[in-house]
């Protein structure tokens, strides 16, 4: 939780430093009233960059924005027909557009931000801010969850089950082939990799390595959850369609609704209704107080606090 609070503080600090023109543009009567402040700022920054003659690759002042090849990753909310919004955004040059619920996610050209703001099919557009719940400690999940005991006692190793993982990326840093050769992974079915690899850390491969340790006989599948909320929700369904019998993710989007089910939670409910258990590798940011209270319970005193609870923060946007 501390990490997420720090990131939010960074965002607010960046807003405070934003130019007056961007604030005016996104005001109630401004020409970019339908566009989040951060998108208006990056549009203004790129315009200034081009006016100075360009040169080195454009880099926005906001480190949380995912920018690649002149495009920024966004979640756009439709005012009506989501497919009409998708067509309109693609006409402006959006790449990798995915529609789910009322949201279209994809890479939108920064220089077309003003055109998007004028679309009647658009209710609002915002950056697709996301983070993974990566921890700082090497897991010993096999022993902590007694998976090694279960394998020895019942003769099970995950054979016949496909585990699907959603995270930032799988092999953007390279090394997946070596992991398979070294026995750290079995072959992985990649439904979708992050095509830009910007700001990714292959956390998905690390998760799959843990799954392989605990259930070495299980088949493995991966899909990125880092391309906006609509893409995340769509890939949850894609993993189930590809045969995943268990699905886990470690991603949170800052704009996921806190007090109602958003499209990601709705996708989780859909696969759950089809009999697929869904787990959140969340709350490794959970407070020491919560861990202490849980560890006092008889079950946890006897067997040790499970990794899933030691590592998992409260997730409001998903339901499982």
C-alpha atoms as a PDB file:
ATOM      1  CA  UNK A   1       0.000   0.000   0.000  1.00  0.00           C
ATOM      2  CA  UNK A   2       2.876   2.353   0.782  1.00  0.00           C
ATOM      3  CA  UNK A   3       4.188   1.955  -2.791  1.00  0.00           C
ATOM      4  CA  UNK A   4       0.780   2.825  -4.270  1.00  0.00           C
ATOM      5  CA  UNK A   5       0.429   5.895  -2.011  1.00  0.00           C
ATOM      6  CA  UNK A   6       3.865   7.106  -3.120  1.00  0.00           C
ATOM      7  CA  UNK A   7       2.876   6.722  -6.768  1.00  0.00           C
ATOM      8  CA  UNK A   8      -0.330   8.692  -6.199  1.00  0.00           C
ATOM      9  CA  UNK A   9       1.675  11.453  -4.515  1.00  0.00           C
ATOM     10  CA  UNK A  10       3.968  11.553  -7.546  1.00  0.00           C
ATOM     11  CA  UNK A  11       0.955  11.934  -9.831  1.00  0.00           C
ATOM     12  CA  UNK A  12      -0.451  14.797  -7.775  1.00  0.00           C
ATOM     13  CA  UNK A  13       2.933  16.516  -7.760  1.00  0.00           C
ATOM     14  CA  UNK A  14       3.077  16.271 -11.536  1.00  0.00           C
ATOM     15  CA  UNK A  15      -0.395  17.785 -11.792  1.00  0.00           C
ATOM     16  CA  UNK A  16       0.694  20.654  -9.588  1.00  0.00           C
ATOM     17  CA  UNK A  17       3.570  21.349 -11.970  1.00  0.00           C
ATOM     18  CA  UNK A  18       1.379  21.216 -15.088  1.00  0.00           C
ATOM     19  CA  UNK A  19       1.181  24.309 -17.292  1.00  0.00           C
ATOM     20  CA  UNK A  20      -1.616  26.804 -16.943  1.00  0.00           C
ATOM     21  CA  UNK A  21      -2.645  26.259 -20.570  1.00  0.00           C
ATOM     22  CA  UNK A  22      -3.281  22.571 -19.930  1.00  0.00           C
ATOM     23  CA  UNK A  23      -5.353  23.332 -16.843  1.00  0.00           C
ATOM     24  CA  UNK A  24      -7.454  25.800 -18.844  1.00  0.00           C
ATOM     25  CA  UNK A  25      -7.870  23.366 -21.749  1.00  0.00           C
ATOM     26  CA  UNK A  26      -9.290  20.635 -19.504  1.00  0.00           C
ATOM     27  CA  UNK A  27     -11.611  22.975 -17.620  1.00  0.00           C
ATOM     28  CA  UNK A  28     -15.366  22.510 -17.836  1.00  0.00           C
ATOM     29  CA  UNK A  29     -15.656  24.741 -20.905  1.00  0.00           C
ATOM     30  CA  UNK A  30     -12.183  24.047 -22.301  1.00  0.00           C
ATOM     31  CA  UNK A  31     -11.493  22.359 -25.650  1.00  0.00           C
ATOM     32  CA  UNK A  32     -10.123  19.277 -23.866  1.00  0.00           C
ATOM     33  CA  UNK A  33     -12.796  18.996 -21.208  1.00  0.00           C
ATOM     34  CA  UNK A  34     -13.193  15.277 -22.035  1.00  0.00           C
ATOM     35  CA  UNK A  35      -9.494  14.547 -21.598  1.00  0.00           C
ATOM     36  CA  UNK A  36      -7.656  13.874 -18.355  1.00  0.00           C
ATOM     37  CA  UNK A  37      -5.255  16.583 -17.231  1.00  0.00           C
ATOM     38  CA  UNK A  38      -2.209  14.334 -17.667  1.00  0.00           C
ATOM     39  CA  UNK A  39      -3.085  13.700 -21.318  1.00  0.00           C
ATOM     40  CA  UNK A  40      -3.529  17.410 -21.976  1.00  0.00           C
ATOM     41  CA  UNK A  41      -0.131  18.074 -20.431  1.00  0.00           C
ATOM     42  CA  UNK A  42       1.671  15.447 -22.515  1.00  0.00           C
ATOM     43  CA  UNK A  43      -0.032  16.831 -25.646  1.00  0.00           C
ATOM     44  CA  UNK A  44       1.217  20.315 -24.786  1.00  0.00           C
ATOM     45  CA  UNK A  45       4.695  19.014 -23.977  1.00  0.00           C
ATOM     46  CA  UNK A  46       4.974  17.225 -27.317  1.00  0.00           C
ATOM     47  CA  UNK A  47       3.744  20.319 -29.191  1.00  0.00           C
ATOM     48  CA  UNK A  48       6.460  22.346 -27.467  1.00  0.00           C
ATOM     49  CA  UNK A  49       9.027  19.635 -28.234  1.00  0.00           C
ATOM     50  CA  UNK A  50       8.127  19.694 -31.940  1.00  0.00           C
ATOM     51  CA  UNK A  51       8.161  23.485 -32.028  1.00  0.00           C
ATOM     52  CA  UNK A  52      11.758  23.392 -30.795  1.00  0.00           C
ATOM     53  CA  UNK A  53      12.713  21.132 -33.696  1.00  0.00           C
ATOM     54  CA  UNK A  54      12.507  17.728 -32.031  1.00  0.00           C
ATOM     55  CA  UNK A  55      15.803  15.861 -32.049  1.00  0.00           C
ATOM     56  CA  UNK A  56      16.215  13.235 -29.338  1.00  0.00           C
ATOM     57  CA  UNK A  57      13.243  10.991 -28.631  1.00  0.00           C
ATOM     58  CA  UNK A  58      10.363  12.756 -26.879  1.00  0.00           C
ATOM     59  CA  UNK A  59      10.104  11.919 -23.188  1.00  0.00           C
ATOM     60  CA  UNK A  60       7.150  13.217 -21.126  1.00  0.00           C
ATOM     61  CA  UNK A  61       7.694  14.765 -17.709  1.00  0.00           C
ATOM     62  CA  UNK A  62       5.212  12.290 -16.202  1.00  0.00           C
ATOM     63  CA  UNK A  63       7.072   8.991 -15.609  1.00  0.00           C
ATOM     64  CA  UNK A  64       3.819   7.125 -15.012  1.00  0.00           C
ATOM     65  CA  UNK A  65       2.580   7.598 -18.574  1.00  0.00           C
ATOM     66  CA  UNK A  66       3.304   4.731 -20.952  1.00  0.00           C
ATOM     67  CA  UNK A  67       4.522   6.410 -24.140  1.00  0.00           C
ATOM     68  CA  UNK A  68       5.879   4.611 -27.190  1.00  0.00           C
ATOM     69  CA  UNK A  69       6.526   5.834 -30.742  1.00  0.00           C
ATOM     70  CA  UNK A  70       4.481   8.992 -30.341  1.00  0.00           C
ATOM     71  CA  UNK A  71       1.532   7.234 -28.726  1.00  0.00           C
ATOM     72  CA  UNK A  72       0.267   7.068 -25.153  1.00  0.00           C
ATOM     73  CA  UNK A  73      -1.657   4.185 -23.595  1.00  0.00           C
ATOM     74  CA  UNK A  74      -5.170   5.301 -22.636  1.00  0.00           C
ATOM     75  CA  UNK A  75      -8.538   4.081 -21.409  1.00  0.00           C
ATOM     76  CA  UNK A  76     -11.361   5.889 -23.205  1.00  0.00           C
ATOM     77  CA  UNK A  77     -14.934   5.716 -21.905  1.00  0.00           C
ATOM     78  CA  UNK A  78     -17.732   5.755 -24.468  1.00  0.00           C
ATOM     79  CA  UNK A  79     -20.669   8.130 -24.208  1.00  0.00           C
ATOM     80  CA  UNK A  80     -22.838   5.557 -25.975  1.00  0.00           C
ATOM     81  CA  UNK A  81     -21.888   2.749 -28.371  1.00  0.00           C
ATOM     82  CA  UNK A  82     -18.416   1.522 -27.410  1.00  0.00           C
ATOM     83  CA  UNK A  83     -17.793   0.063 -30.872  1.00  0.00           C
ATOM     84  CA  UNK A  84     -18.534   3.459 -32.444  1.00  0.00           C
ATOM     85  CA  UNK A  85     -15.937   4.990 -30.130  1.00  0.00           C
ATOM     86  CA  UNK A  86     -13.418   2.299 -31.078  1.00  0.00           C
ATOM     87  CA  UNK A  87     -13.927   3.046 -34.790  1.00  0.00           C
ATOM     88  CA  UNK A  88     -13.543   6.793 -34.159  1.00  0.00           C
ATOM     89  CA  UNK A  89     -10.345   6.311 -32.162  1.00  0.00           C
ATOM     90  CA  UNK A  90      -8.857   3.982 -34.781  1.00  0.00           C
ATOM     91  CA  UNK A  91      -9.635   6.624 -37.423  1.00  0.00           C
ATOM     92  CA  UNK A  92      -7.367   8.970 -35.462  1.00  0.00           C
ATOM     93  CA  UNK A  93      -4.622   6.332 -35.433  1.00  0.00           C
ATOM     94  CA  UNK A  94      -5.185   4.342 -32.233  1.00  0.00           C
ATOM     95  CA  UNK A  95      -3.290   1.041 -32.323  1.00  0.00           C
ATOM     96  CA  UNK A  96      -4.126  -2.173 -30.470  1.00  0.00           C
ATOM     97  CA  UNK A  97      -7.655  -0.971 -29.698  1.00  0.00           C
ATOM     98  CA  UNK A  98      -9.661  -3.321 -27.470  1.00  0.00           C
ATOM     99  CA  UNK A  99     -13.256  -2.637 -26.395  1.00  0.00           C
ATOM    100  CA  UNK A 100     -14.777  -4.147 -23.258  1.00  0.00           C
ATOM    101  CA  UNK A 101     -17.857  -2.847 -21.489  1.00  0.00           C
ATOM    102  CA  UNK A 102     -17.886   0.913 -22.117  1.00  0.00           C
ATOM    103  CA  UNK A 103     -14.074   1.236 -22.275  1.00  0.00           C
ATOM    104  CA  UNK A 104     -11.704   1.243 -25.246  1.00  0.00           C
ATOM    105  CA  UNK A 105      -8.025   0.748 -24.416  1.00  0.00           C
ATOM    106  CA  UNK A 106      -5.122   1.263 -26.771  1.00  0.00           C
ATOM    107  CA  UNK A 107      -2.157   3.333 -27.925  1.00  0.00           C
ATOM    108  CA  UNK A 108      -3.414   6.748 -29.056  1.00  0.00           C
ATOM    109  CA  UNK A 109      -1.352   9.321 -31.020  1.00  0.00           C
ATOM    110  CA  UNK A 110      -0.389  12.181 -28.740  1.00  0.00           C
ATOM    111  CA  UNK A 111      -0.649  14.698 -31.576  1.00  0.00           C
ATOM    112  CA  UNK A 112      -4.300  13.735 -32.171  1.00  0.00           C
ATOM    113  CA  UNK A 113      -5.397  14.395 -28.590  1.00  0.00           C
ATOM    114  CA  UNK A 114      -7.291  17.546 -29.539  1.00  0.00           C
ATOM    115  CA  UNK A 115      -9.246  15.651 -32.192  1.00  0.00           C
ATOM    116  CA  UNK A 116     -10.185  12.910 -29.748  1.00  0.00           C
ATOM    117  CA  UNK A 117     -11.412  15.502 -27.254  1.00  0.00           C
ATOM    118  CA  UNK A 118     -13.985  16.710 -29.794  1.00  0.00           C
ATOM    119  CA  UNK A 119     -15.520  13.263 -30.440  1.00  0.00           C
ATOM    120  CA  UNK A 120     -19.227  13.005 -29.659  1.00  0.00           C
ATOM    121  CA  UNK A 121     -18.724   9.270 -29.013  1.00  0.00           C
ATOM    122  CA  UNK A 122     -16.268  10.000 -26.173  1.00  0.00           C
ATOM    123  CA  UNK A 123     -17.344  10.542 -22.572  1.00  0.00           C
ATOM    124  CA  UNK A 124     -13.853  10.806 -21.078  1.00  0.00           C
ATOM    125  CA  UNK A 125     -10.272   9.662 -21.710  1.00  0.00           C
ATOM    126  CA  UNK A 126      -7.573   9.039 -19.130  1.00  0.00           C
ATOM    127  CA  UNK A 127      -4.098   7.480 -18.982  1.00  0.00           C
ATOM    128  CA  UNK A 128      -4.001   3.726 -18.350  1.00  0.00           C
ATOM    129  CA  UNK A 129      -2.015   3.956 -15.125  1.00  0.00           C
ATOM    130  CA  UNK A 130      -1.170   0.519 -13.705  1.00  0.00           C
ATOM    131  CA  UNK A 131       1.325  -1.185 -11.445  1.00  0.00           C
ATOM    132  CA  UNK A 132       2.225  -4.729 -10.479  1.00  0.00           C
ATOM    133  CA  UNK A 133       2.219  -6.000  -6.908  1.00  0.00           C
ATOM    134  CA  UNK A 134       5.791  -7.238  -7.039  1.00  0.00           C
ATOM    135  CA  UNK A 135       7.421  -8.060  -3.716  1.00  0.00           C
ATOM    136  CA  UNK A 136      10.971  -7.625  -2.457  1.00  0.00           C
ATOM    137  CA  UNK A 137      11.515 -11.114  -1.031  1.00  0.00           C
ATOM    138  CA  UNK A 138      12.251 -14.310  -2.944  1.00  0.00           C
ATOM    139  CA  UNK A 139       9.278 -16.617  -2.434  1.00  0.00           C
ATOM    140  CA  UNK A 140       9.477 -20.012  -0.794  1.00  0.00           C
ATOM    141  CA  UNK A 141       5.913 -20.800  -1.785  1.00  0.00           C
ATOM    142  CA  UNK A 142       6.457 -24.505  -2.411  1.00  0.00           C
ATOM    143  CA  UNK A 143       7.291 -25.156   1.249  1.00  0.00           C
ATOM    144  CA  UNK A 144       5.099 -22.393   2.730  1.00  0.00           C
ATOM    145  CA  UNK A 145       1.960 -23.759   1.079  1.00  0.00           C
ATOM    146  CA  UNK A 146       2.987 -27.386   1.759  1.00  0.00           C
ATOM    147  CA  UNK A 147       2.799 -28.024  -1.984  1.00  0.00           C
ATOM    148  CA  UNK A 148       5.855 -30.263  -1.735  1.00  0.00           C
ATOM    149  CA  UNK A 149       4.073 -32.334   0.938  1.00  0.00           C
ATOM    150  CA  UNK A 150       0.905 -32.552  -1.178  1.00  0.00           C
ATOM    151  CA  UNK A 151       2.881 -33.689  -4.208  1.00  0.00           C
ATOM    152  CA  UNK A 152       4.627 -36.417  -2.216  1.00  0.00           C
ATOM    153  CA  UNK A 153       1.529 -37.538  -0.284  1.00  0.00           C
ATOM    154  CA  UNK A 154      -1.084 -37.525  -3.036  1.00  0.00           C
ATOM    155  CA  UNK A 155       1.101 -37.968  -6.093  1.00  0.00           C
ATOM    156  CA  UNK A 156      -0.114 -34.768  -7.760  1.00  0.00           C
ATOM    157  CA  UNK A 157       1.963 -32.177  -9.587  1.00  0.00           C
ATOM    158  CA  UNK A 158      -0.560 -30.100 -11.523  1.00  0.00           C
ATOM    159  CA  UNK A 159      -0.687 -32.420 -14.508  1.00  0.00           C
ATOM    160  CA  UNK A 160      -3.825 -31.847 -16.561  1.00  0.00           C
ATOM    161  CA  UNK A 161      -4.345 -28.284 -15.339  1.00  0.00           C
ATOM    162  CA  UNK A 162      -3.433 -25.095 -17.182  1.00  0.00           C
ATOM    163  CA  UNK A 163      -2.548 -22.077 -15.027  1.00  0.00           C
ATOM    164  CA  UNK A 164      -3.001 -18.686 -16.670  1.00  0.00           C
ATOM    165  CA  UNK A 165      -1.018 -15.672 -15.481  1.00  0.00           C
ATOM    166  CA  UNK A 166      -1.704 -11.984 -16.153  1.00  0.00           C
ATOM    167  CA  UNK A 167       0.994  -9.417 -15.454  1.00  0.00           C
ATOM    168  CA  UNK A 168       3.065  -6.785 -17.275  1.00  0.00           C
ATOM    169  CA  UNK A 169       5.178  -8.866 -19.681  1.00  0.00           C
ATOM    170  CA  UNK A 170       6.670 -12.317 -20.203  1.00  0.00           C
ATOM    171  CA  UNK A 171       9.861 -12.071 -22.268  1.00  0.00           C
ATOM    172  CA  UNK A 172      10.537  -8.391 -22.917  1.00  0.00           C
ATOM    173  CA  UNK A 173      13.891  -8.678 -21.138  1.00  0.00           C
ATOM    174  CA  UNK A 174      14.782 -11.957 -22.857  1.00  0.00           C
ATOM    175  CA  UNK A 175      15.755 -15.212 -21.202  1.00  0.00           C
ATOM    176  CA  UNK A 176      12.533 -17.239 -21.405  1.00  0.00           C
ATOM    177  CA  UNK A 177      14.092 -19.837 -23.720  1.00  0.00           C
ATOM    178  CA  UNK A 178      16.969 -20.310 -21.288  1.00  0.00           C
ATOM    179  CA  UNK A 179      14.507 -20.682 -18.409  1.00  0.00           C
ATOM    180  CA  UNK A 180      12.802 -23.570 -20.213  1.00  0.00           C
ATOM    181  CA  UNK A 181      16.145 -25.171 -21.033  1.00  0.00           C
ATOM    182  CA  UNK A 182      17.261 -24.844 -17.393  1.00  0.00           C
ATOM    183  CA  UNK A 183      14.049 -26.337 -16.017  1.00  0.00           C
ATOM    184  CA  UNK A 184      12.869 -23.101 -14.400  1.00  0.00           C
ATOM    185  CA  UNK A 185       9.852 -23.120 -16.709  1.00  0.00           C
ATOM    186  CA  UNK A 186       7.880 -25.518 -18.843  1.00  0.00           C
ATOM    187  CA  UNK A 187       6.874 -24.196 -22.296  1.00  0.00           C
ATOM    188  CA  UNK A 188       4.476 -21.263 -21.982  1.00  0.00           C
ATOM    189  CA  UNK A 189       1.551 -20.462 -24.266  1.00  0.00           C
ATOM    190  CA  UNK A 190       1.676 -16.694 -24.751  1.00  0.00           C
ATOM    191  CA  UNK A 191      -1.764 -15.337 -25.602  1.00  0.00           C
ATOM    192  CA  UNK A 192      -0.505 -11.743 -25.830  1.00  0.00           C
ATOM    193  CA  UNK A 193       2.814 -10.136 -24.988  1.00  0.00           C
ATOM    194  CA  UNK A 194       3.171  -6.414 -24.355  1.00  0.00           C
ATOM    195  CA  UNK A 195       4.110  -5.214 -27.861  1.00  0.00           C
ATOM    196  CA  UNK A 196       5.988  -2.091 -26.760  1.00  0.00           C
ATOM    197  CA  UNK A 197       7.775  -3.574 -23.716  1.00  0.00           C
ATOM    198  CA  UNK A 198       8.030  -0.028 -22.349  1.00  0.00           C
ATOM    199  CA  UNK A 199       8.273   0.045 -18.568  1.00  0.00           C
ATOM    200  CA  UNK A 200       7.830  -3.714 -18.212  1.00  0.00           C
ATOM    201  CA  UNK A 201       9.868  -6.079 -16.026  1.00  0.00           C
ATOM    202  CA  UNK A 202       8.785  -9.617 -17.050  1.00  0.00           C
ATOM    203  CA  UNK A 203       6.969 -10.003 -13.741  1.00  0.00           C
ATOM    204  CA  UNK A 204       4.685 -12.454 -15.545  1.00  0.00           C
ATOM    205  CA  UNK A 205       7.605 -14.818 -16.159  1.00  0.00           C
ATOM    206  CA  UNK A 206       8.607 -14.587 -12.503  1.00  0.00           C
ATOM    207  CA  UNK A 207       5.073 -15.569 -11.488  1.00  0.00           C
ATOM    208  CA  UNK A 208       5.103 -18.483 -13.924  1.00  0.00           C
ATOM    209  CA  UNK A 209       8.410 -19.664 -12.456  1.00  0.00           C
ATOM    210  CA  UNK A 210       6.741 -19.769  -9.029  1.00  0.00           C
ATOM    211  CA  UNK A 211       3.788 -21.698 -10.430  1.00  0.00           C
ATOM    212  CA  UNK A 212       6.198 -24.160 -12.070  1.00  0.00           C
ATOM    213  CA  UNK A 213       7.974 -24.680  -8.735  1.00  0.00           C
ATOM    214  CA  UNK A 214       4.712 -25.439  -6.945  1.00  0.00           C
ATOM    215  CA  UNK A 215       3.028 -27.422  -9.745  1.00  0.00           C
ATOM    216  CA  UNK A 216       5.734 -28.627 -12.151  1.00  0.00           C
ATOM    217  CA  UNK A 217       3.301 -30.757 -14.144  1.00  0.00           C
ATOM    218  CA  UNK A 218       0.873 -27.930 -14.901  1.00  0.00           C
ATOM    219  CA  UNK A 219       0.669 -26.326 -18.334  1.00  0.00           C
ATOM    220  CA  UNK A 220       1.360 -22.581 -18.349  1.00  0.00           C
ATOM    221  CA  UNK A 221      -0.182 -19.658 -20.221  1.00  0.00           C
ATOM    222  CA  UNK A 222       0.400 -15.906 -20.139  1.00  0.00           C
ATOM    223  CA  UNK A 223      -1.355 -12.742 -21.291  1.00  0.00           C
ATOM    224  CA  UNK A 224      -0.368  -9.161 -20.600  1.00  0.00           C
ATOM    225  CA  UNK A 225      -2.622  -7.078 -18.362  1.00  0.00           C
ATOM    226  CA  UNK A 226      -0.702  -3.860 -18.987  1.00  0.00           C
ATOM    227  CA  UNK A 227      -2.482  -2.506 -22.064  1.00  0.00           C
ATOM    228  CA  UNK A 228      -5.429  -0.805 -20.390  1.00  0.00           C
ATOM    229  CA  UNK A 229      -8.478  -2.016 -18.516  1.00  0.00           C
ATOM    230  CA  UNK A 230     -10.381  -3.220 -21.584  1.00  0.00           C
ATOM    231  CA  UNK A 231      -7.407  -5.292 -22.737  1.00  0.00           C
ATOM    232  CA  UNK A 232      -6.931  -6.705 -19.222  1.00  0.00           C
ATOM    233  CA  UNK A 233     -10.580  -7.798 -19.030  1.00  0.00           C
ATOM    234  CA  UNK A 234     -10.474  -9.235 -22.543  1.00  0.00           C
ATOM    235  CA  UNK A 235      -7.338 -11.248 -21.770  1.00  0.00           C
ATOM    236  CA  UNK A 236      -8.952 -12.761 -18.675  1.00  0.00           C
ATOM    237  CA  UNK A 237     -11.586 -14.246 -20.978  1.00  0.00           C
ATOM    238  CA  UNK A 238      -8.929 -15.181 -23.555  1.00  0.00           C
ATOM    239  CA  UNK A 239      -7.002 -17.248 -20.996  1.00  0.00           C
ATOM    240  CA  UNK A 240     -10.158 -19.136 -20.030  1.00  0.00           C
ATOM    241  CA  UNK A 241     -10.973 -19.733 -23.690  1.00  0.00           C
ATOM    242  CA  UNK A 242      -7.433 -21.054 -24.207  1.00  0.00           C
ATOM    243  CA  UNK A 243      -8.040 -23.672 -21.528  1.00  0.00           C
ATOM    244  CA  UNK A 244      -6.793 -22.088 -18.299  1.00  0.00           C
ATOM    245  CA  UNK A 245      -8.381 -23.871 -15.347  1.00  0.00           C
ATOM    246  CA  UNK A 246      -6.827 -21.497 -12.809  1.00  0.00           C
ATOM    247  CA  UNK A 247      -6.012 -17.799 -13.362  1.00  0.00           C
ATOM    248  CA  UNK A 248      -3.940 -15.362 -11.299  1.00  0.00           C
ATOM    249  CA  UNK A 249      -2.957 -11.716 -11.754  1.00  0.00           C
ATOM    250  CA  UNK A 250      -0.790  -9.192  -9.913  1.00  0.00           C
ATOM    251  CA  UNK A 251      -1.880  -5.951 -11.629  1.00  0.00           C
ATOM    252  CA  UNK A 252      -3.936  -3.035 -10.375  1.00  0.00           C
ATOM    253  CA  UNK A 253      -5.183  -0.095 -12.432  1.00  0.00           C
ATOM    254  CA  UNK A 254      -5.470   3.071 -10.404  1.00  0.00           C
ATOM    255  CA  UNK A 255      -8.810   3.937 -12.015  1.00  0.00           C
ATOM    256  CA  UNK A 256     -10.520   0.651 -11.129  1.00  0.00           C
ATOM    257  CA  UNK A 257     -13.721   1.541  -9.242  1.00  0.00           C
ATOM    258  CA  UNK A 258     -13.524   1.073  -5.489  1.00  0.00           C
ATOM    259  CA  UNK A 259     -17.184   0.665  -4.547  1.00  0.00           C
ATOM    260  CA  UNK A 260     -18.608  -1.246  -7.507  1.00  0.00           C
ATOM    261  CA  UNK A 261     -17.515  -3.857 -10.017  1.00  0.00           C
ATOM    262  CA  UNK A 262     -15.613  -2.445 -12.972  1.00  0.00           C
ATOM    263  CA  UNK A 263     -15.040  -4.277 -16.248  1.00  0.00           C
ATOM    264  CA  UNK A 264     -12.082  -6.241 -14.849  1.00  0.00           C
ATOM    265  CA  UNK A 265     -14.170  -7.510 -11.933  1.00  0.00           C
ATOM    266  CA  UNK A 266     -16.959  -8.371 -14.364  1.00  0.00           C
ATOM    267  CA  UNK A 267     -14.536 -10.452 -16.445  1.00  0.00           C
ATOM    268  CA  UNK A 268     -13.363 -12.210 -13.281  1.00  0.00           C
ATOM    269  CA  UNK A 269     -16.968 -13.011 -12.389  1.00  0.00           C
ATOM    270  CA  UNK A 270     -17.530 -14.392 -15.886  1.00  0.00           C
ATOM    271  CA  UNK A 271     -14.690 -16.920 -15.708  1.00  0.00           C
ATOM    272  CA  UNK A 272     -15.539 -17.735 -12.116  1.00  0.00           C
ATOM    273  CA  UNK A 273     -19.057 -18.549 -13.284  1.00  0.00           C
ATOM    274  CA  UNK A 274     -17.513 -20.969 -15.785  1.00  0.00           C
ATOM    275  CA  UNK A 275     -15.796 -22.821 -12.946  1.00  0.00           C
ATOM    276  CA  UNK A 276     -12.331 -21.210 -13.141  1.00  0.00           C
ATOM    277  CA  UNK A 277     -10.822 -20.232  -9.765  1.00  0.00           C
ATOM    278  CA  UNK A 278      -9.355 -16.712  -9.937  1.00  0.00           C
ATOM    279  CA  UNK A 279      -6.646 -15.517  -7.565  1.00  0.00           C
ATOM    280  CA  UNK A 280      -5.153 -12.090  -6.938  1.00  0.00           C
ATOM    281  CA  UNK A 281      -1.465 -11.999  -6.190  1.00  0.00           C
ATOM    282  CA  UNK A 282      -2.154  -8.782  -4.373  1.00  0.00           C
ATOM    283  CA  UNK A 283      -1.475  -7.154  -1.040  1.00  0.00           C
ATOM    284  CA  UNK A 284       2.132  -7.966  -0.482  1.00  0.00           C
ATOM    285  CA  UNK A 285       1.813  -4.358   0.532  1.00  0.00           C
ATOM    286  CA  UNK A 286      -0.598  -5.387   3.265  1.00  0.00           C
ATOM    287  CA  UNK A 287       0.172  -3.779   6.588  1.00  0.00           C
ATOM    288  CA  UNK A 288       2.256  -5.473   9.298  1.00  0.00           C
ATOM    289  CA  UNK A 289      -0.838  -5.112  11.517  1.00  0.00           C
ATOM    290  CA  UNK A 290      -2.932  -7.292   9.170  1.00  0.00           C
ATOM    291  CA  UNK A 291      -0.194  -9.921   8.935  1.00  0.00           C
ATOM    292  CA  UNK A 292       0.160  -9.928  12.731  1.00  0.00           C
ATOM    293  CA  UNK A 293      -3.581 -10.359  13.289  1.00  0.00           C
ATOM    294  CA  UNK A 294      -3.802 -13.214  10.782  1.00  0.00           C
ATOM    295  CA  UNK A 295      -0.743 -14.984  12.171  1.00  0.00           C
ATOM    296  CA  UNK A 296      -2.382 -15.111  15.621  1.00  0.00           C
ATOM    297  CA  UNK A 297      -5.133 -17.398  14.335  1.00  0.00           C
ATOM    298  CA  UNK A 298      -4.631 -21.096  15.247  1.00  0.00           C
ATOM    299  CA  UNK A 299      -4.465 -22.294  11.624  1.00  0.00           C
ATOM    300  CA  UNK A 300      -1.695 -19.859  10.778  1.00  0.00           C
ATOM    301  CA  UNK A 301       0.183 -20.387  14.036  1.00  0.00           C
ATOM    302  CA  UNK A 302       0.352 -24.094  13.255  1.00  0.00           C
ATOM    303  CA  UNK A 303       1.101 -24.028   9.557  1.00  0.00           C
ATOM    304  CA  UNK A 304       2.566 -20.570   9.003  1.00  0.00           C
ATOM    305  CA  UNK A 305       0.895 -17.675   7.190  1.00  0.00           C
ATOM    306  CA  UNK A 306       0.225 -18.708   3.574  1.00  0.00           C
ATOM    307  CA  UNK A 307       2.105 -16.871   0.874  1.00  0.00           C
ATOM    308  CA  UNK A 308      -1.200 -15.784  -0.669  1.00  0.00           C
ATOM    309  CA  UNK A 309      -1.993 -13.846   2.512  1.00  0.00           C
ATOM    310  CA  UNK A 310       1.514 -12.707   3.314  1.00  0.00           C
ATOM    311  CA  UNK A 311       1.813 -11.227  -0.142  1.00  0.00           C
ATOM    312  CA  UNK A 312      -1.685 -10.037  -0.923  1.00  0.00           C
ATOM    313  CA  UNK A 313      -3.056  -6.434  -0.616  1.00  0.00           C
ATOM    314  CA  UNK A 314      -6.731  -5.483  -0.558  1.00  0.00           C
ATOM    315  CA  UNK A 315      -8.133  -5.321  -4.076  1.00  0.00           C
ATOM    316  CA  UNK A 316     -11.291  -3.277  -4.539  1.00  0.00           C
ATOM    317  CA  UNK A 317     -11.441  -3.302  -8.318  1.00  0.00           C
ATOM    318  CA  UNK A 318     -11.610  -7.083  -8.703  1.00  0.00           C
ATOM    319  CA  UNK A 319     -13.970  -9.591  -7.220  1.00  0.00           C
ATOM    320  CA  UNK A 320     -13.163 -13.279  -6.935  1.00  0.00           C
END
